[in-house]
PDB file of N, CA and C in Angstrom:
ATOM      1  N   MET A   1      -6.415  13.088  -7.065  1.00  0.00           N
ATOM      2  CA  MET A   1      -6.519  11.836  -6.265  1.00  0.00           C
ATOM      3  C   MET A   1      -5.604  12.744  -5.107  1.00  0.00           C
ATOM      4  N   LEU A   2      -6.092  12.455  -3.712  1.00  0.00           N
ATOM      5  CA  LEU A   2      -5.262  12.793  -2.824  1.00  0.00           C
ATOM      6  C   LEU A   2      -4.283  11.720  -2.402  1.00  0.00           C
ATOM      7  N   LEU A   3      -2.769  12.126  -2.179  1.00  0.00           N
ATOM      8  CA  LEU A   3      -2.056  11.195  -1.816  1.00  0.00           C
ATOM      9  C   LEU A   3      -1.883  11.056  -0.592  1.00  0.00           C
ATOM     10  N   PRO A   4      -1.727   9.724   0.002  1.00  0.00           N
ATOM     11  CA  PRO A   4      -1.361   9.343   1.139  1.00  0.00           C
ATOM     12  C   PRO A   4      -0.136   9.894   1.894  1.00  0.00           C
ATOM     13  N   ALA A   5       0.049  10.564   3.038  1.00  0.00           N
ATOM     14  CA  ALA A   5       1.389  10.681   3.305  1.00  0.00           C
ATOM     15  C   ALA A   5       2.657   9.229   3.619  1.00  0.00           C
ATOM     16  N   GLU A   6       3.457   9.533   3.627  1.00  0.00           N
ATOM     17  CA  GLU A   6       4.608   8.410   3.618  1.00  0.00           C
ATOM     18  C   GLU A   6       4.414   7.363   5.125  1.00  0.00           C
ATOM     19  N   LYS A   7       4.335   8.169   5.857  1.00  0.00           N
ATOM     20  CA  LYS A   7       3.894   7.305   7.165  1.00  0.00           C
ATOM     21  C   LYS A   7       2.773   6.515   7.387  1.00  0.00           C
ATOM     22  N   GLU A   8       1.724   6.978   6.822  1.00  0.00           N
ATOM     23  CA  GLU A   8       0.154   6.358   6.862  1.00  0.00           C
ATOM     24  C   GLU A   8       0.272   5.234   5.788  1.00  0.00           C
ATOM     25  N   LEU A   9       0.955   5.394   4.680  1.00  0.00           N
ATOM     26  CA  LEU A   9       1.517   4.510   3.730  1.00  0.00           C
ATOM     27  C   LEU A   9       1.994   3.276   4.515  1.00  0.00           C
ATOM     28  N   ARG A  10       3.045   3.842   4.675  1.00  0.00           N
ATOM     29  CA  ARG A  10       4.277   2.592   5.125  1.00  0.00           C
ATOM     30  C   ARG A  10       3.480   1.824   6.553  1.00  0.00           C
ATOM     31  N   ALA A  11       2.773   2.638   7.163  1.00  0.00           N
ATOM     32  CA  ALA A  11       1.841   1.779   8.333  1.00  0.00           C
ATOM     33  C   ALA A  11       1.133   0.832   7.879  1.00  0.00           C
ATOM     34  N   VAL A  12       0.054   0.945   6.892  1.00  0.00           N
ATOM     35  CA  VAL A  12      -0.882   0.333   6.547  1.00  0.00           C
ATOM     36  C   VAL A  12      -0.178  -0.813   5.528  1.00  0.00           C
ATOM     37  N   LEU A  13       1.257  -0.515   5.021  1.00  0.00           N
ATOM     38  CA  LEU A  13       1.913  -1.948   4.440  1.00  0.00           C
ATOM     39  C   LEU A  13       2.314  -2.468   5.459  1.00  0.00           C
ATOM     40  N   ALA A  14       2.881  -2.473   6.446  1.00  0.00           N
ATOM     41  CA  ALA A  14       3.279  -2.900   7.337  1.00  0.00           C
ATOM     42  C   ALA A  14       2.127  -3.863   8.086  1.00  0.00           C
ATOM     43  N   ARG A  15       1.114  -3.258   8.081  1.00  0.00           N
ATOM     44  CA  ARG A  15      -0.251  -3.810   8.936  1.00  0.00           C
ATOM     45  C   ARG A  15      -0.710  -5.035   7.727  1.00  0.00           C
ATOM     46  N   PHE A  16      -0.641  -4.807   6.369  1.00  0.00           N
ATOM     47  CA  PHE A  16      -0.613  -5.777   5.525  1.00  0.00           C
ATOM     48  C   PHE A  16      -0.375  -6.921   5.984  1.00  0.00           C
ATOM     49  N   ALA A  17       1.367  -6.801   5.590  1.00  0.00           N
ATOM     50  CA  ALA A  17       2.313  -7.479   5.502  1.00  0.00           C
ATOM     51  C   ALA A  17       2.420  -8.827   6.693  1.00  0.00           C
ATOM     52  N   GLU A  18       1.781  -7.978   8.094  1.00  0.00           N
ATOM     53  CA  GLU A  18       1.168  -8.979   9.065  1.00  0.00           C
ATOM     54  C   GLU A  18       0.086  -9.697   9.049  1.00  0.00           C
ATOM     55  N   ALA A  19      -0.671  -8.970   8.524  1.00  0.00           N
ATOM     56  CA  ALA A  19      -1.988  -9.772   8.332  1.00  0.00           C
ATOM     57  C   ALA A  19      -1.763 -10.825   7.313  1.00  0.00           C
ATOM     58  N   ARG A  20      -1.188 -10.516   6.390  1.00  0.00           N
ATOM     59  CA  ARG A  20      -1.021 -11.698   5.347  1.00  0.00           C
ATOM     60  C   ARG A  20      -0.052 -12.834   5.856  1.00  0.00           C
ATOM     61  N   PHE A  21       0.731 -12.365   6.861  1.00  0.00           N
ATOM     62  CA  PHE A  21       1.820 -13.585   7.334  1.00  0.00           C
ATOM     63  C   PHE A  21       0.862 -14.451   8.164  1.00  0.00           C
ATOM     64  N   ARG A  22       0.149 -13.767   9.071  1.00  0.00           N
ATOM     65  CA  ARG A  22      -0.420 -14.298  10.290  1.00  0.00           C
ATOM     66  C   ARG A  22      -1.771 -15.158   9.461  1.00  0.00           C
ATOM     67  N   HIS A  23      -2.358 -14.706   8.502  1.00  0.00           N
ATOM     68  CA  HIS A  23      -3.398 -15.380   7.596  1.00  0.00           C
ATOM     69  C   HIS A  23      -2.644 -16.752   6.885  1.00  0.00           C
ATOM     70  N   ASP A  24      -1.701 -16.577   6.463  1.00  0.00           N
ATOM     71  CA  ASP A  24      -0.911 -17.623   5.769  1.00  0.00           C
ATOM     72  C   ASP A  24      -0.380 -18.630   6.669  1.00  0.00           C
ATOM     73  N   LEU A  25      -0.057 -18.208   7.541  1.00  0.00           N
ATOM     74  CA  LEU A  25       0.276 -19.542   8.792  1.00  0.00           C
ATOM     75  C   LEU A  25      -0.692 -20.092   9.642  1.00  0.00           C
ATOM     76  N   GLN A  26      -1.647 -19.071   9.933  1.00  0.00           N
ATOM     77  CA  GLN A  26      -2.887 -20.086  10.681  1.00  0.00           C
ATOM     78  C   GLN A  26      -3.970 -19.341  10.247  1.00  0.00           C
ATOM     79  N   PRO A  27      -4.827 -19.427   8.898  1.00  0.00           N
ATOM     80  CA  PRO A  27      -6.086 -18.778   8.846  1.00  0.00           C
ATOM     81  C   PRO A  27      -7.122 -19.127   9.529  1.00  0.00           C
ATOM     82  N   THR A  28      -7.831 -18.029  10.075  1.00  0.00           N
ATOM     83  CA  THR A  28      -9.118 -17.997  11.132  1.00  0.00           C
ATOM     84  C   THR A  28      -9.712 -17.182  10.597  1.00  0.00           C
ATOM     85  N   GLY A  29     -11.088 -16.941  10.864  1.00  0.00           N
ATOM     86  CA  GLY A  29     -11.953 -15.797  10.745  1.00  0.00           C
ATOM     87  C   GLY A  29     -11.640 -14.652  10.974  1.00  0.00           C
ATOM     88  N   ARG A  30     -11.009 -14.367  12.022  1.00  0.00           N
ATOM     89  CA  ARG A  30     -10.314 -12.878  12.335  1.00  0.00           C
ATOM     90  C   ARG A  30      -9.411 -12.930  11.346  1.00  0.00           C
ATOM     91  N   SER A  31      -8.421 -13.569  11.057  1.00  0.00           N
ATOM     92  CA  SER A  31      -7.211 -13.203  10.184  1.00  0.00           C
ATOM     93  C   SER A  31      -7.500 -12.881   8.770  1.00  0.00           C
ATOM     94  N   SER A  32      -8.804 -13.404   8.406  1.00  0.00           N
ATOM     95  CA  SER A  32      -9.503 -13.317   6.918  1.00  0.00           C
ATOM     96  C   SER A  32      -9.712 -11.741   7.099  1.00  0.00           C
ATOM     97  N   ARG A  33     -10.435 -11.412   8.401  1.00  0.00           N
ATOM     98  CA  ARG A  33     -11.426 -10.393   8.160  1.00  0.00           C
ATOM     99  C   ARG A  33      -9.852  -8.792   8.199  1.00  0.00           C
ATOM    100  N   GLU A  34      -8.954  -9.479   9.166  1.00  0.00           N
ATOM    101  CA  GLU A  34      -7.892  -8.436   9.245  1.00  0.00           C
ATOM    102  C   GLU A  34      -7.155  -8.133   7.861  1.00  0.00           C
ATOM    103  N   LEU A  35      -7.074  -9.277   7.188  1.00  0.00           N
ATOM    104  CA  LEU A  35      -6.272  -9.246   5.848  1.00  0.00           C
ATOM    105  C   LEU A  35      -7.333  -8.301   5.087  1.00  0.00           C
ATOM    106  N   GLU A  36      -8.619  -8.841   4.736  1.00  0.00           N
ATOM    107  CA  GLU A  36      -9.422  -8.012   3.933  1.00  0.00           C
ATOM    108  C   GLU A  36      -9.432  -6.514   4.540  1.00  0.00           C
ATOM    109  N   ASP A  37      -9.575  -6.029   5.068  1.00  0.00           N
ATOM    110  CA  ASP A  37      -9.365  -4.642   5.856  1.00  0.00           C
ATOM    111  C   ASP A  37      -8.342  -3.856   5.512  1.00  0.00           C
ATOM    112  N   THR A  38      -7.121  -4.599   5.922  1.00  0.00           N
ATOM    113  CA  THR A  38      -6.266  -4.030   5.254  1.00  0.00           C
ATOM    114  C   THR A  38      -5.827  -3.864   3.631  1.00  0.00           C
ATOM    115  N   SER A  39      -6.277  -4.676   3.207  1.00  0.00           N
ATOM    116  CA  SER A  39      -6.353  -5.114   1.637  1.00  0.00           C
ATOM    117  C   SER A  39      -7.051  -3.662   1.162  1.00  0.00           C
ATOM    118  N   TYR A  40      -8.188  -3.456   1.676  1.00  0.00           N
ATOM    119  CA  TYR A  40      -8.770  -2.609   1.235  1.00  0.00           C
ATOM    120  C   TYR A  40      -8.866  -1.387   1.623  1.00  0.00           C
ATOM    121  N   THR A  41      -8.109  -1.156   2.627  1.00  0.00           N
ATOM    122  CA  THR A  41      -7.172  -0.092   3.168  1.00  0.00           C
ATOM    123  C   THR A  41      -6.168   0.516   2.078  1.00  0.00           C
ATOM    124  N   LEU A  42      -5.613  -0.050   1.911  1.00  0.00           N
ATOM    125  CA  LEU A  42      -4.319  -0.157   0.974  1.00  0.00           C
ATOM    126  C   LEU A  42      -4.847   0.175  -0.422  1.00  0.00           C
ATOM    127  N   CYS A  43      -5.809  -0.611  -0.970  1.00  0.00           N
ATOM    128  CA  CYS A  43      -6.324  -0.265  -2.226  1.00  0.00           C
ATOM    129  C   CYS A  43      -6.740   1.170  -2.099  1.00  0.00           C
ATOM    130  N   VAL A  44      -7.556   1.550  -1.284  1.00  0.00           N
ATOM    131  CA  VAL A  44      -8.124   2.719  -1.212  1.00  0.00           C
ATOM    132  C   VAL A  44      -7.025   4.086  -1.046  1.00  0.00           C
ATOM    133  N   MET A  45      -6.267   3.803  -0.132  1.00  0.00           N
ATOM    134  CA  MET A  45      -4.844   4.652  -0.412  1.00  0.00           C
ATOM    135  C   MET A  45      -4.326   5.074  -1.523  1.00  0.00           C
ATOM    136  N   THR A  46      -4.134   3.746  -2.404  1.00  0.00           N
ATOM    137  CA  THR A  46      -3.649   4.255  -3.620  1.00  0.00           C
ATOM    138  C   THR A  46      -4.398   4.293  -4.989  1.00  0.00           C
ATOM    139  N   GLY A  47      -5.555   4.232  -4.659  1.00  0.00           N
ATOM    140  CA  GLY A  47      -6.703   4.604  -5.692  1.00  0.00           C
ATOM    141  C   GLY A  47      -6.475   3.155  -6.766  1.00  0.00           C
ATOM    142  N   THR A  48      -6.376   2.273  -6.138  1.00  0.00           N
ATOM    143  CA  THR A  48      -6.216   0.766  -7.124  1.00  0.00           C
ATOM    144  C   THR A  48      -7.451  -0.398  -6.563  1.00  0.00           C
ATOM    145  N   ARG A  49      -7.749  -1.177  -7.169  1.00  0.00           N
ATOM    146  CA  ARG A  49      -8.861  -2.269  -6.880  1.00  0.00           C
ATOM    147  C   ARG A  49      -8.567  -3.377  -6.962  1.00  0.00           C
ATOM    148  N   SER A  50      -6.902  -3.599  -6.662  1.00  0.00           N
ATOM    149  CA  SER A  50      -6.667  -5.100  -6.616  1.00  0.00           C
ATOM    150  C   SER A  50      -5.442  -4.877  -5.259  1.00  0.00           C
ATOM    151  N   VAL A  51      -5.287  -6.001  -4.460  1.00  0.00           N
ATOM    152  CA  VAL A  51      -3.879  -5.751  -3.844  1.00  0.00           C
ATOM    153  C   VAL A  51      -2.430  -5.763  -4.524  1.00  0.00           C
ATOM    154  N   ASP A  52      -2.421  -6.482  -5.717  1.00  0.00           N
ATOM    155  CA  ASP A  52      -1.400  -6.444  -6.561  1.00  0.00           C
ATOM    156  C   ASP A  52      -1.203  -5.159  -7.229  1.00  0.00           C
ATOM    157  N   GLU A  53      -2.152  -4.308  -7.668  1.00  0.00           N
ATOM    158  CA  GLU A  53      -2.038  -2.891  -8.137  1.00  0.00           C
ATOM    159  C   GLU A  53      -1.791  -2.400  -7.005  1.00  0.00           C
ATOM    160  N   ALA A  54      -2.553  -2.337  -6.109  1.00  0.00           N
ATOM    161  CA  ALA A  54      -2.016  -1.391  -4.574  1.00  0.00           C
ATOM    162  C   ALA A  54      -0.472  -1.523  -4.001  1.00  0.00           C
ATOM    163  N   LEU A  55      -0.321  -2.641  -4.125  1.00  0.00           N
ATOM    164  CA  LEU A  55       1.564  -2.621  -3.902  1.00  0.00           C
ATOM    165  C   LEU A  55       2.114  -2.040  -4.738  1.00  0.00           C
ATOM    166  N   ALA A  56       1.741  -2.439  -6.151  1.00  0.00           N
ATOM    167  CA  ALA A  56       2.866  -1.846  -7.153  1.00  0.00           C
ATOM    168  C   ALA A  56       2.663   0.092  -7.075  1.00  0.00           C
ATOM    169  N   ALA A  57       1.327   0.354  -6.897  1.00  0.00           N
ATOM    170  CA  ALA A  57       1.326   1.957  -7.077  1.00  0.00           C
ATOM    171  C   ALA A  57       2.031   2.295  -5.406  1.00  0.00           C
ATOM    172  N   ALA A  58       1.992   1.450  -4.548  1.00  0.00           N
ATOM    173  CA  ALA A  58       2.875   1.756  -3.252  1.00  0.00           C
ATOM    174  C   ALA A  58       4.389   2.053  -3.172  1.00  0.00           C
ATOM    175  N   ASP A  59       4.674   0.990  -4.130  1.00  0.00           N
ATOM    176  CA  ASP A  59       6.223   1.126  -4.376  1.00  0.00           C
ATOM    177  C   ASP A  59       6.764   2.049  -5.157  1.00  0.00           C
ATOM    178  N   VAL A  60       5.750   2.718  -6.307  1.00  0.00           N
ATOM    179  CA  VAL A  60       5.997   3.645  -6.898  1.00  0.00           C
ATOM    180  C   VAL A  60       5.574   5.259  -6.226  1.00  0.00           C
ATOM    181  N   LEU A  61       4.692   5.242  -5.457  1.00  0.00           N
ATOM    182  CA  LEU A  61       4.778   6.404  -4.287  1.00  0.00           C
ATOM    183  C   LEU A  61       5.720   6.693  -3.614  1.00  0.00           C
ATOM    184  N   LEU A  62       6.339   5.102  -2.830  1.00  0.00           N
ATOM    185  CA  LEU A  62       7.228   5.805  -2.053  1.00  0.00           C
ATOM    186  C   LEU A  62       8.525   5.797  -2.905  1.00  0.00           C
ATOM    187  N   GLU A  63       8.890   5.466  -3.805  1.00  0.00           N
ATOM    188  CA  GLU A  63      10.038   5.855  -4.739  1.00  0.00           C
ATOM    189  C   GLU A  63      10.030   7.392  -5.071  1.00  0.00           C
ATOM    190  N   ARG A  64       8.892   7.699  -5.498  1.00  0.00           N
ATOM    191  CA  ARG A  64       8.593   9.209  -5.723  1.00  0.00           C
ATOM    192  C   ARG A  64       8.991  10.156  -4.233  1.00  0.00           C
ATOM    193  N   LEU A  65       8.160   9.862  -3.462  1.00  0.00           N
ATOM    194  CA  LEU A  65       8.632  10.468  -2.141  1.00  0.00           C
ATOM    195  C   LEU A  65      10.116  10.192  -1.475  1.00  0.00           C
ATOM    196  N   ARG A  66      11.054   9.285  -1.993  1.00  0.00           N
ATOM    197  CA  ARG A  66      12.314   8.825  -1.636  1.00  0.00           C
ATOM    198  C   ARG A  66      12.889  10.004  -2.373  1.00  0.00           C
ATOM    199  N   MET A  67      12.665  10.049  -3.633  1.00  0.00           N
ATOM    200  CA  MET A  67      13.534  10.864  -4.962  1.00  0.00           C
ATOM    201  C   MET A  67      13.292  12.514  -4.403  1.00  0.00           C
ATOM    202  N   GLU A  68      11.773  12.606  -3.892  1.00  0.00           N
ATOM    203  CA  GLU A  68      11.411  14.261  -3.623  1.00  0.00           C
ATOM    204  C   GLU A  68      12.368  14.767  -2.477  1.00  0.00           C
ATOM    205  N   ARG A  69      12.768  13.869  -1.378  1.00  0.00           N
ATOM    206  CA  ARG A  69      13.354  13.864  -0.493  1.00  0.00           C
ATOM    207  C   ARG A  69      14.851  14.451  -0.411  1.00  0.00           C
ATOM    208  N   GLN A  70      15.262  13.446  -1.564  1.00  0.00           N
ATOM    209  CA  GLN A  70      16.397  13.843  -1.897  1.00  0.00           C
ATOM    210  C   GLN A  70      16.970  14.646  -3.278  1.00  0.00           C
ATOM    211  N   GLY A  71      15.853  15.941  -3.117  1.00  0.00           N
ATOM    212  CA  GLY A  71      16.026  16.645  -4.226  1.00  0.00           C
ATOM    213  C   GLY A  71      15.891  16.391  -5.597  1.00  0.00           C
ATOM    214  N   ALA A  72      15.962  15.311  -6.043  1.00  0.00           N
ATOM    215  CA  ALA A  72      15.542  14.874  -7.117  1.00  0.00           C
ATOM    216  C   ALA A  72      14.146  14.825  -8.053  1.00  0.00           C
ATOM    217  N   PRO A  73      14.363  14.957  -8.708  1.00  0.00           N
ATOM    218  CA  PRO A  73      12.988  14.958  -9.915  1.00  0.00           C
ATOM    219  C   PRO A  73      12.370  13.535  -9.823  1.00  0.00           C
ATOM    220  N   ALA A  74      11.000  13.669  -9.747  1.00  0.00           N
ATOM    221  CA  ALA A  74      10.060  12.495  -9.425  1.00  0.00           C
ATOM    222  C   ALA A  74      10.000  11.694 -11.076  1.00  0.00           C
ATOM    223  N   ARG A  75      10.196  10.462 -10.470  1.00  0.00           N
ATOM    224  CA  ARG A  75       9.661   9.820 -12.048  1.00  0.00           C
ATOM    225  C   ARG A  75       7.981  10.243 -12.097  1.00  0.00           C
ATOM    226  N   ALA A  76       7.706   9.623 -13.800  1.00  0.00           N
ATOM    227  CA  ALA A  76       6.388   9.910 -13.773  1.00  0.00           C
ATOM    228  C   ALA A  76       5.833   9.192 -12.834  1.00  0.00           C
ATOM    229  N   GLU A  77       4.820   9.327 -12.740  1.00  0.00           N
ATOM    230  CA  GLU A  77       3.695   8.459 -11.902  1.00  0.00           C
ATOM    231  C   GLU A  77       3.174   7.335 -12.961  1.00  0.00           C
ATOM    232  N   GLN A  78       3.463   6.288 -12.417  1.00  0.00           N
ATOM    233  CA  GLN A  78       3.162   4.660 -12.781  1.00  0.00           C
ATOM    234  C   GLN A  78       2.108   3.867 -12.286  1.00  0.00           C
ATOM    235  N   GLY A  79       0.769   3.865 -12.536  1.00  0.00           N
ATOM    236  CA  GLY A  79      -0.193   3.112 -11.675  1.00  0.00           C
ATOM    237  C   GLY A  79      -0.797   3.743 -10.757  1.00  0.00           C
ATOM    238  N   LEU A  80      -0.657   5.300 -10.744  1.00  0.00           N
ATOM    239  CA  LEU A  80      -1.336   5.905  -9.315  1.00  0.00           C
ATOM    240  C   LEU A  80      -2.526   6.664 -10.206  1.00  0.00           C
ATOM    241  N   ALA A  81      -2.978   6.339 -11.436  1.00  0.00           N
ATOM    242  CA  ALA A  81      -4.026   6.956 -11.726  1.00  0.00           C
ATOM    243  C   ALA A  81      -5.499   6.228 -11.110  1.00  0.00           C
ATOM    244  N   ALA A  82      -6.374   7.151 -10.911  1.00  0.00           N
ATOM    245  CA  ALA A  82      -7.813   6.345 -10.323  1.00  0.00           C
ATOM    246  C   ALA A  82      -8.484   5.604 -11.087  1.00  0.00           C
TER     247      ALA A  82
END
């Protein structure tokens, strides 16, 4: 599986958070579609099938990238298996 670039993953996480907030605040057809689209994109990027799994996988991936930036060995990939 190809791993997403940190910048793109963070951008999708931000879009997901914004869509979730907007939809929870005032649900509309548009907010529902935006939330669905960003949820799907997040799942595809992380190779998961649910938003909960995708968020957990994104956390693991971001931690791995942070550790690599600091020069420390990365933790084992937890939850990034397809």
